[in-house]
Amino acid sequence: MGTINEEDSIRDLNLSCLGLAQRLLLTDRAIGMFRLGATPEVAGMLESPSMRPMMTVASSGQLLCVLRLNRCGTVAALARPIR
């Protein structure tokens, strides 16, 4: 069994995030932009990338998805059971 280094993990996570972003935008652009917090310009770039630029961006070493849970109240509200 091989070891997975951080760069591989970041690339894999980025590819998953880019794929999800693309699906969200292609399903419903307005809702996708809202969920992603994306501007129309960024949404346009994400909607139709070929695999080569997607791999380049994913392999940048920077996390593309950012956790927006920056307030305890937000985390607590999301963690509450749905009634």
C-alpha atoms as a PDB file:
ATOM      1  CA  MET A   1       0.000   0.000   0.000  1.00  0.00           C
ATOM      2  CA  GLY A   2       1.473   3.380  -1.019  1.00  0.00           C
ATOM      3  CA  THR A   3       1.396   6.507   1.008  1.00  0.00           C
ATOM      4  CA  ILE A   4      -0.618   9.483  -0.142  1.00  0.00           C
ATOM      5  CA  ASN A   5       1.184  12.765   0.220  1.00  0.00           C
ATOM      6  CA  GLU A   6      -0.448  16.118   0.893  1.00  0.00           C
ATOM      7  CA  GLU A   7      -0.049  17.356  -2.687  1.00  0.00           C
ATOM      8  CA  ASP A   8      -1.894  14.312  -4.039  1.00  0.00           C
ATOM      9  CA  SER A   9      -4.634  14.784  -1.445  1.00  0.00           C
ATOM     10  CA  ILE A  10      -5.008  18.477  -2.314  1.00  0.00           C
ATOM     11  CA  ARG A  11      -5.147  17.677  -6.050  1.00  0.00           C
ATOM     12  CA  ASP A  12      -7.792  14.982  -5.501  1.00  0.00           C
ATOM     13  CA  LEU A  13      -9.891  17.251  -3.285  1.00  0.00           C
ATOM     14  CA  ASN A  14      -9.589  20.092  -5.808  1.00  0.00           C
ATOM     15  CA  LEU A  15     -10.683  17.826  -8.667  1.00  0.00           C
ATOM     16  CA  SER A  16     -13.713  16.744  -6.637  1.00  0.00           C
ATOM     17  CA  CYS A  17     -14.571  20.365  -5.814  1.00  0.00           C
ATOM     18  CA  LEU A  18     -14.190  21.457  -9.438  1.00  0.00           C
ATOM     19  CA  GLY A  19     -16.368  18.584 -10.627  1.00  0.00           C
ATOM     20  CA  LEU A  20     -19.061  19.371  -8.068  1.00  0.00           C
ATOM     21  CA  ALA A  21     -18.915  23.077  -8.910  1.00  0.00           C
ATOM     22  CA  GLN A  22     -19.321  22.303 -12.587  1.00  0.00           C
ATOM     23  CA  ARG A  23     -22.328  20.022 -11.939  1.00  0.00           C
ATOM     24  CA  LEU A  24     -23.992  22.596  -9.670  1.00  0.00           C
ATOM     25  CA  LEU A  25     -23.585  25.327 -12.271  1.00  0.00           C
ATOM     26  CA  LEU A  26     -24.757  23.198 -15.177  1.00  0.00           C
ATOM     27  CA  THR A  27     -27.822  22.010 -13.237  1.00  0.00           C
ATOM     28  CA  ASP A  28     -28.962  25.487 -12.132  1.00  0.00           C
ATOM     29  CA  ARG A  29     -26.537  28.352 -12.665  1.00  0.00           C
ATOM     30  CA  ALA A  30     -28.138  30.808 -10.212  1.00  0.00           C
ATOM     31  CA  ILE A  31     -28.408  28.314  -7.354  1.00  0.00           C
ATOM     32  CA  GLY A  32     -24.942  26.965  -8.143  1.00  0.00           C
ATOM     33  CA  MET A  33     -23.456  30.459  -8.005  1.00  0.00           C
ATOM     34  CA  PHE A  34     -25.198  31.075  -4.673  1.00  0.00           C
ATOM     35  CA  ARG A  35     -24.003  27.806  -3.141  1.00  0.00           C
ATOM     36  CA  LEU A  36     -20.457  28.323  -4.382  1.00  0.00           C
ATOM     37  CA  GLY A  37     -20.302  32.027  -3.609  1.00  0.00           C
ATOM     38  CA  ALA A  38     -19.124  32.504  -7.201  1.00  0.00           C
ATOM     39  CA  THR A  39     -19.325  35.606  -9.368  1.00  0.00           C
ATOM     40  CA  PRO A  40     -20.738  35.302 -12.896  1.00  0.00           C
ATOM     41  CA  GLU A  41     -17.202  35.534 -14.278  1.00  0.00           C
ATOM     42  CA  VAL A  42     -15.916  32.685 -12.111  1.00  0.00           C
ATOM     43  CA  ALA A  43     -19.029  30.633 -12.865  1.00  0.00           C
ATOM     44  CA  GLY A  44     -18.370  31.058 -16.569  1.00  0.00           C
ATOM     45  CA  MET A  45     -14.821  29.802 -16.155  1.00  0.00           C
ATOM     46  CA  LEU A  46     -15.976  26.771 -14.167  1.00  0.00           C
ATOM     47  CA  GLU A  47     -18.825  25.754 -16.458  1.00  0.00           C
ATOM     48  CA  SER A  48     -16.829  24.523 -19.410  1.00  0.00           C
ATOM     49  CA  PRO A  49     -13.200  23.824 -18.632  1.00  0.00           C
ATOM     50  CA  SER A  50     -11.467  21.063 -20.502  1.00  0.00           C
ATOM     51  CA  MET A  51      -9.671  18.413 -18.484  1.00  0.00           C
ATOM     52  CA  ARG A  52      -6.180  19.850 -19.060  1.00  0.00           C
ATOM     53  CA  PRO A  53      -6.792  23.289 -17.431  1.00  0.00           C
ATOM     54  CA  MET A  54      -8.823  21.589 -14.698  1.00  0.00           C
ATOM     55  CA  MET A  55      -5.865  19.329 -13.853  1.00  0.00           C
ATOM     56  CA  THR A  56      -3.489  22.310 -13.901  1.00  0.00           C
ATOM     57  CA  VAL A  57      -5.676  24.293 -11.520  1.00  0.00           C
ATOM     58  CA  ALA A  58      -6.289  21.267  -9.282  1.00  0.00           C
ATOM     59  CA  SER A  59      -2.546  20.590  -9.088  1.00  0.00           C
ATOM     60  CA  SER A  60      -1.668  24.145  -8.036  1.00  0.00           C
ATOM     61  CA  GLY A  61      -1.005  23.082  -4.440  1.00  0.00           C
ATOM     62  CA  GLN A  62      -3.632  25.525  -3.156  1.00  0.00           C
ATOM     63  CA  LEU A  63      -6.967  24.385  -1.752  1.00  0.00           C
ATOM     64  CA  LEU A  64      -9.709  25.676  -4.033  1.00  0.00           C
ATOM     65  CA  CYS A  65     -12.615  25.083  -1.686  1.00  0.00           C
ATOM     66  CA  VAL A  66     -12.817  27.138   1.467  1.00  0.00           C
ATOM     67  CA  LEU A  67     -14.806  26.308   4.582  1.00  0.00           C
ATOM     68  CA  ARG A  68     -17.219  29.157   5.203  1.00  0.00           C
ATOM     69  CA  LEU A  69     -17.982  28.055   8.750  1.00  0.00           C
ATOM     70  CA  ASN A  70     -16.326  31.037  10.388  1.00  0.00           C
ATOM     71  CA  ARG A  71     -18.863  31.615  13.156  1.00  0.00           C
ATOM     72  CA  CYS A  72     -19.820  29.259  15.964  1.00  0.00           C
ATOM     73  CA  GLY A  73     -23.478  30.186  15.503  1.00  0.00           C
ATOM     74  CA  THR A  74     -23.380  29.002  11.901  1.00  0.00           C
ATOM     75  CA  VAL A  75     -21.869  25.661  12.861  1.00  0.00           C
ATOM     76  CA  ALA A  76     -24.377  25.213  15.697  1.00  0.00           C
ATOM     77  CA  ALA A  77     -27.322  26.025  13.414  1.00  0.00           C
ATOM     78  CA  LEU A  78     -26.167  23.569  10.764  1.00  0.00           C
ATOM     79  CA  ALA A  79     -25.546  20.855  13.375  1.00  0.00           C
ATOM     80  CA  ARG A  80     -29.083  21.012  14.800  1.00  0.00           C
ATOM     81  CA  PRO A  81     -31.271  18.032  13.944  1.00  0.00           C
ATOM     82  CA  ILE A  82     -33.872  18.663  11.271  1.00  0.00           C
ATOM     83  CA  ARG A  83     -37.377  18.404  12.664  1.00  0.00           C
END
